[in-house]
Amino acid sequence: MFLRLAWLSLGLWLCVVSTSAPVRAQESAIPSPKPLRVAIAQMAVTRDIATNREALLRAIDHASRDKAAILITPEGSLSGYTAKFDAEATDRAIQVVVRRAKDLGVALVLGTCFMSPEGHRYDAQQFYDPTGRYLGFHAKTLLCQHVSEPGRRGEVDDFQTAPLRTFELCGTRVGGLVCNDLWANPEWTPMPDPFLVRQLARLGARVILHSVNSGFAEGEDPSLNRAFHESNLKLRARSAGVWIVVANAADPTGRLEVSCPSGVVSPQGRWTAQVNVRGEQLLVHEFIP
C-alpha cells in the first residue's frame, strides 16, 4: 500500500513539473520593454521659412549625434505659426528637412502648417519614420478663437480638422497633439473639451507627442498661463497613464520665458526632464514607455 501511494505521489509530481515547465519557458520569452530615446527641439518659430528650415536641420543633426530615435518640433516650426504661410515654399522645405532626417535615420514629428492637394489648410504634425516614410498627420483639433470676441477671426476660420489617430513609431504606439488640443484653454476654446489625451490612450497610445506654440511669459500675470499649462500636462498624463513629450516655440530674442516648459512628463504626472525656458534648446531624453 505504501509503495502504491509513493508511485502515485511521484506521478502527480511529474505531472505538475511537465505542465508547469512550458509556462516558465513562456514567461521567460516575454521581451523586456525597450527604452525610447526622444529629442525635443525648443526653437524660435518665425515667419521666414528658410530660417525655420535651418533651425530644424541643426536640430536633426544634434538629435542624430545624441542617438535619438525621434525628434519632435514645435507647432508651426517650419511653415511659421500663421494661416498665411507660403504653401509651396513650405512643401519644398519639408522635402529638405525630411531628407536630412532620413539620411541620418531619425524619425520626425514635424510641427508645420501645410496645404493638402485638395486645397485644405492644416495646423498639424507630420509623422515620418526613420526611413523617411510618411505615416500621416495629426491636425489640430481644438482650433483657437477668442471666446470673449466670437466675431473675431481665428484658427477655426482658417484651418481644417481631421479624425484622431495613432501611429506606430520606433516600436511604440504614439499619438500627436498640437498646443491647445491638450489643455483646451477656456479663453480660446469655443467648443467642448473632448479630453484628447484620454481618447488617444484608449486608442492604444503610450506616448503623446505634443507640438506647442503657447507664447511667452509676459503681461499682467505671467505665472497664470504657465501654471495652467503645467497642471494640465501633469493631470492629463496621470489620468490617462501616458507619457507626454512637449516641444514649445522659444522667444526669438532669447529674453522671454516660454509659458509652457519643453520636456517630458511621466504617467505619474511628474517632469522627468525639462529644458531651459529661454532660447533655442535641444534635449535628448530616454525613458521606457
Protein backbone atom coordinates (compact mmCIF):
# COMPACT_ATOMS: atom_id res chain seq x y z
CA MET A 1 0.00 0.00 0.00
CA PHE A 2 2.80 2.37 0.94
CA LEU A 3 4.61 1.59 -2.34
CA ARG A 4 1.44 2.28 -4.36
CA LEU A 5 0.97 5.69 -2.67
CA ALA A 6 4.60 6.56 -3.32
CA TRP A 7 4.24 5.82 -7.06
CA LEU A 8 1.00 7.86 -7.14
CA SER A 9 2.71 10.85 -5.48
CA LEU A 10 5.62 10.59 -7.91
CA GLY A 11 3.22 10.56 -10.86
CA LEU A 12 1.38 13.63 -9.63
CA TRP A 13 4.71 15.44 -9.09
CA LEU A 14 5.86 14.61 -12.63
CA CYS A 15 2.53 15.84 -13.99
CA VAL A 16 2.94 19.18 -12.22
CA VAL A 17 6.52 19.54 -13.45
CA SER A 18 5.62 18.67 -17.04
CA THR A 19 2.67 21.10 -17.21
CA SER A 20 4.39 24.00 -15.42
CA ALA A 21 7.67 23.85 -17.37
CA PRO A 22 6.20 25.29 -20.60
CA VAL A 23 4.61 28.13 -18.62
CA ARG A 24 8.00 29.07 -17.20
CA ALA A 25 9.52 28.92 -20.68
CA GLN A 26 6.70 31.13 -21.99
CA GLU A 27 7.21 33.69 -19.23
CA SER A 28 10.95 33.87 -19.88
CA ALA A 29 10.24 34.52 -23.58
CA ILE A 30 8.29 37.75 -22.87
CA PRO A 31 10.50 40.60 -24.17
CA SER A 32 11.56 43.37 -21.81
CA PRO A 33 10.19 46.85 -22.59
CA LYS A 34 12.56 48.81 -24.82
CA PRO A 35 13.60 52.37 -23.94
CA LEU A 36 12.60 55.20 -26.26
CA ARG A 37 15.13 57.97 -26.88
CA VAL A 38 13.43 61.22 -27.89
CA ALA A 39 14.89 64.58 -28.92
CA ILE A 40 12.94 67.78 -28.20
CA ALA A 41 13.65 70.90 -30.26
CA GLN A 42 12.74 74.13 -28.47
CA MET A 43 13.35 76.71 -31.19
CA ALA A 44 12.31 80.13 -32.38
CA VAL A 45 9.45 79.86 -34.87
CA THR A 46 9.47 82.75 -37.33
CA ARG A 47 7.51 83.56 -40.49
CA ASP A 48 10.66 83.09 -42.54
CA ILE A 49 10.61 79.50 -43.81
CA ALA A 50 14.33 79.46 -44.71
CA THR A 51 15.28 80.49 -41.17
CA ASN A 52 13.00 77.83 -39.70
CA ARG A 53 14.40 75.20 -42.07
CA GLU A 54 17.97 75.87 -40.97
CA ALA A 55 17.00 75.64 -37.29
CA LEU A 56 15.31 72.29 -37.97
CA LEU A 57 18.37 70.96 -39.82
CA ARG A 58 20.53 71.88 -36.80
CA ALA A 59 18.08 70.07 -34.53
CA ILE A 60 18.14 66.92 -36.71
CA ASP A 61 21.96 66.91 -36.74
CA HIS A 62 22.02 67.28 -32.95
CA ALA A 63 19.42 64.54 -32.47
CA SER A 64 21.46 62.19 -34.63
CA ARG A 65 24.71 62.91 -32.75
CA ASP A 66 22.92 62.13 -29.47
CA LYS A 67 21.46 58.92 -30.94
CA ALA A 68 17.81 59.97 -30.57
CA ALA A 69 15.22 57.76 -32.27
CA ILE A 70 12.61 60.53 -32.69
CA LEU A 71 12.77 64.32 -33.00
CA ILE A 72 9.69 66.41 -32.14
CA THR A 73 9.39 70.09 -33.07
CA PRO A 74 7.06 72.95 -32.04
CA GLU A 75 3.76 73.98 -33.64
CA GLY A 76 4.33 75.70 -36.98
CA SER A 77 8.09 75.13 -36.71
CA LEU A 78 8.65 75.05 -40.48
CA SER A 79 5.81 76.99 -42.09
CA GLY A 80 5.60 79.57 -39.32
CA TYR A 81 2.66 79.79 -36.93
CA THR A 82 0.32 81.57 -39.31
CA ALA A 83 -2.57 80.76 -41.62
CA LYS A 84 -0.91 82.95 -44.26
CA PHE A 85 2.05 80.62 -44.77
CA ASP A 86 3.55 80.08 -48.23
CA ALA A 87 2.28 76.58 -49.09
CA GLU A 88 4.68 75.94 -52.00
CA ALA A 89 7.76 77.14 -50.10
CA THR A 90 6.68 75.03 -47.13
CA ASP A 91 6.38 71.90 -49.28
CA ARG A 92 9.86 72.44 -50.71
CA ALA A 93 11.32 72.96 -47.23
CA ILE A 94 9.56 69.82 -45.91
CA GLN A 95 11.35 67.78 -48.57
CA VAL A 96 14.74 69.16 -47.47
CA VAL A 97 14.08 68.56 -43.78
CA VAL A 98 12.69 65.05 -44.26
CA ARG A 99 15.63 64.11 -46.50
CA ARG A 100 18.11 65.13 -43.78
CA ALA A 101 16.20 63.13 -41.14
CA LYS A 102 16.07 60.10 -43.47
CA ASP A 103 19.81 60.30 -44.25
CA LEU A 104 20.58 60.33 -40.51
CA GLY A 105 17.98 57.72 -39.56
CA VAL A 106 15.94 59.97 -37.25
CA ALA A 107 12.15 59.64 -37.07
CA LEU A 108 10.47 63.03 -37.29
CA VAL A 109 7.34 64.53 -35.76
CA LEU A 110 7.29 67.83 -37.62
CA GLY A 111 5.06 70.62 -36.40
CA THR A 112 4.07 72.59 -39.51
CA CYS A 113 1.11 74.06 -41.30
CA PHE A 114 0.57 72.65 -44.77
CA MET A 115 -1.92 72.58 -47.62
CA SER A 116 -3.41 69.31 -48.87
CA PRO A 117 -3.79 68.52 -52.60
CA GLU A 118 -7.49 69.38 -52.16
CA GLY A 119 -6.55 72.89 -51.00
CA HIS A 120 -7.33 72.38 -47.29
CA ARG A 121 -5.05 74.12 -44.80
CA TYR A 122 -4.00 72.26 -41.65
CA ASP A 123 -2.13 73.31 -38.50
CA ALA A 124 -0.60 69.92 -37.94
CA GLN A 125 2.13 67.44 -37.09
CA GLN A 126 3.54 65.27 -39.88
CA PHE A 127 4.89 61.84 -38.85
CA TYR A 128 7.88 60.23 -40.61
CA ASP A 129 9.65 57.01 -39.64
CA PRO A 130 13.49 56.72 -39.61
CA THR A 131 13.50 55.67 -43.29
CA GLY A 132 11.67 58.86 -44.27
CA ARG A 133 8.38 57.06 -44.89
CA TYR A 134 5.39 59.34 -44.37
CA LEU A 135 2.96 57.82 -41.86
CA GLY A 136 0.30 60.53 -41.88
CA PHE A 137 -0.58 63.63 -39.90
CA HIS A 138 -2.46 64.86 -36.86
CA ALA A 139 -4.41 68.07 -37.48
CA LYS A 140 -5.00 70.49 -34.63
CA THR A 141 -8.50 69.76 -33.35
CA LEU A 142 -9.18 72.43 -30.72
CA LEU A 143 -8.62 75.34 -33.08
CA CYS A 144 -8.46 78.63 -31.24
CA GLN A 145 -10.83 81.57 -31.27
CA HIS A 146 -11.08 84.21 -28.55
CA VAL A 147 -14.23 83.27 -26.64
CA SER A 148 -14.92 86.83 -25.49
CA GLU A 149 -14.79 88.05 -29.13
CA PRO A 150 -16.73 85.45 -31.13
CA GLY A 151 -16.87 87.66 -34.22
CA ARG A 152 -13.09 87.98 -34.38
CA ARG A 153 -11.36 85.77 -36.97
CA GLY A 154 -9.48 82.82 -35.51
CA GLU A 155 -7.93 79.47 -36.36
CA VAL A 156 -11.41 77.95 -36.59
CA ASP A 157 -11.92 80.07 -39.73
CA ASP A 158 -8.60 79.20 -41.39
CA PHE A 159 -7.80 75.54 -40.74
CA GLN A 160 -9.45 72.15 -41.19
CA THR A 161 -9.54 69.31 -38.68
CA ALA A 162 -9.17 65.54 -39.26
CA PRO A 163 -10.07 62.35 -37.33
CA LEU A 164 -7.91 61.49 -34.33
CA ARG A 165 -5.45 58.62 -34.91
CA THR A 166 -2.31 56.97 -33.57
CA PHE A 167 0.94 55.84 -35.21
CA GLU A 168 3.44 53.03 -34.71
CA LEU A 169 6.78 54.83 -34.45
CA CYS A 170 10.08 53.21 -33.47
CA GLY A 171 8.30 50.27 -31.87
CA THR A 172 5.92 52.41 -29.78
CA ARG A 173 2.29 53.36 -30.31
CA VAL A 174 2.20 57.17 -30.18
CA GLY A 175 -0.35 59.93 -30.62
CA GLY A 176 0.10 63.57 -31.54
CA LEU A 177 -1.48 66.76 -30.22
CA VAL A 178 -0.98 70.40 -31.24
CA CYS A 179 -0.88 73.00 -28.46
CA ASN A 180 -4.46 73.76 -27.34
CA ASP A 181 -5.53 70.20 -28.19
CA LEU A 182 -4.13 69.13 -24.83
CA TRP A 183 -5.38 71.75 -22.38
CA ALA A 184 -8.43 73.37 -24.02
CA ASN A 185 -7.72 76.87 -22.72
CA PRO A 186 -11.14 78.24 -21.66
CA GLU A 187 -10.33 81.70 -23.07
CA TRP A 188 -9.53 80.31 -26.53
CA THR A 189 -11.66 77.18 -26.97
CA PRO A 190 -15.15 77.77 -28.41
CA MET A 191 -16.00 74.05 -28.43
CA PRO A 192 -16.38 71.50 -25.57
CA ASP A 193 -13.25 69.81 -24.26
CA PRO A 194 -13.12 66.27 -25.77
CA PHE A 195 -10.22 65.15 -23.49
CA LEU A 196 -8.00 64.14 -26.41
CA VAL A 197 -5.23 62.70 -24.22
CA ARG A 198 -7.71 60.21 -22.80
CA GLN A 199 -9.01 59.41 -26.29
CA LEU A 200 -5.50 58.71 -27.59
CA ALA A 201 -4.79 56.46 -24.59
CA ARG A 202 -7.93 54.48 -25.39
CA LEU A 203 -6.65 54.12 -28.96
CA GLY A 204 -3.52 52.46 -27.54
CA ALA A 205 -1.06 55.37 -27.40
CA ARG A 206 1.64 55.02 -24.74
CA VAL A 207 3.33 58.33 -25.61
CA ILE A 208 1.75 61.66 -26.61
CA LEU A 209 3.99 63.90 -28.72
CA HIS A 210 2.88 67.49 -28.14
CA SER A 211 3.92 70.31 -30.50
CA VAL A 212 3.30 73.68 -28.83
CA ASN A 213 3.45 77.39 -29.64
CA SER A 214 2.00 78.79 -26.42
CA GLY A 215 3.55 82.25 -26.35
CA PHE A 216 5.78 83.74 -23.70
CA ALA A 217 5.57 84.60 -20.04
CA GLU A 218 4.73 88.29 -20.16
CA GLY A 219 1.82 90.57 -19.36
CA GLU A 220 -0.10 91.24 -16.17
CA ASP A 221 0.19 87.75 -14.72
CA PRO A 222 2.93 85.75 -16.47
CA SER A 223 2.68 82.88 -13.99
CA LEU A 224 -1.01 82.20 -14.66
CA ASN A 225 -0.72 80.64 -18.14
CA ARG A 226 2.36 78.67 -17.17
CA ALA A 227 0.62 77.24 -14.10
CA PHE A 228 -2.42 76.34 -16.23
CA HIS A 229 -0.30 74.61 -18.89
CA GLU A 230 1.84 72.68 -16.41
CA SER A 231 -1.05 71.49 -14.25
CA ASN A 232 -2.93 70.28 -17.32
CA LEU A 233 0.10 68.39 -18.60
CA LYS A 234 0.62 66.64 -15.28
CA LEU A 235 -3.02 65.86 -14.51
CA ARG A 236 -3.87 64.63 -18.00
CA ALA A 237 -0.74 62.47 -18.21
CA ARG A 238 -1.56 60.93 -14.84
CA SER A 239 -5.28 60.42 -15.50
CA ALA A 240 -4.60 58.68 -18.86
CA GLY A 241 -1.46 56.84 -17.74
CA VAL A 242 0.69 58.10 -20.64
CA TRP A 243 3.98 59.86 -21.24
CA ILE A 244 3.76 63.36 -22.71
CA VAL A 245 6.69 64.85 -24.62
CA VAL A 246 6.45 68.62 -25.13
CA ALA A 247 8.30 70.79 -27.69
CA ASN A 248 7.48 74.50 -27.40
CA ALA A 249 8.48 77.51 -29.51
CA ALA A 250 11.07 79.84 -27.98
CA ASP A 251 11.17 83.63 -27.89
CA PRO A 252 13.38 84.62 -30.87
CA THR A 253 15.18 87.21 -28.75
CA GLY A 254 16.02 84.65 -26.06
CA ARG A 255 14.81 87.15 -23.44
CA LEU A 256 11.34 85.88 -22.51
CA GLU A 257 10.47 82.56 -20.90
CA VAL A 258 8.11 80.15 -22.65
CA SER A 259 4.71 79.90 -20.97
CA CYS A 260 4.92 76.10 -21.04
CA PRO A 261 8.21 74.28 -20.49
CA SER A 262 9.54 71.84 -23.06
CA GLY A 263 10.30 68.43 -21.60
CA VAL A 264 8.90 65.04 -20.64
CA VAL A 265 6.07 64.29 -18.20
CA SER A 266 5.67 60.75 -16.83
CA PRO A 267 2.43 58.76 -16.38
CA GLN A 268 2.71 59.65 -12.70
CA GLY A 269 2.31 63.32 -13.59
CA ARG A 270 5.88 64.38 -12.88
CA TRP A 271 8.52 66.09 -15.00
CA THR A 272 11.33 63.62 -15.73
CA ALA A 273 13.20 66.07 -17.95
CA GLN A 274 12.89 69.77 -18.74
CA VAL A 275 14.91 72.29 -20.76
CA ASN A 276 15.85 75.89 -20.03
CA VAL A 277 12.75 78.04 -20.53
CA ARG A 278 14.64 80.64 -22.60
CA GLY A 279 16.10 80.44 -26.10
CA GLU A 280 16.89 77.64 -28.53
CA GLN A 281 17.46 74.35 -26.71
CA LEU A 282 17.66 70.69 -27.67
CA LEU A 283 17.09 67.96 -25.11
CA VAL A 284 17.51 64.20 -25.62
CA HIS A 285 15.80 62.04 -23.01
CA GLU A 286 15.38 58.27 -22.73
CA PHE A 287 12.51 56.51 -20.97
CA ILE A 288 10.60 53.21 -21.09
CA PRO A 289 7.03 53.73 -22.37
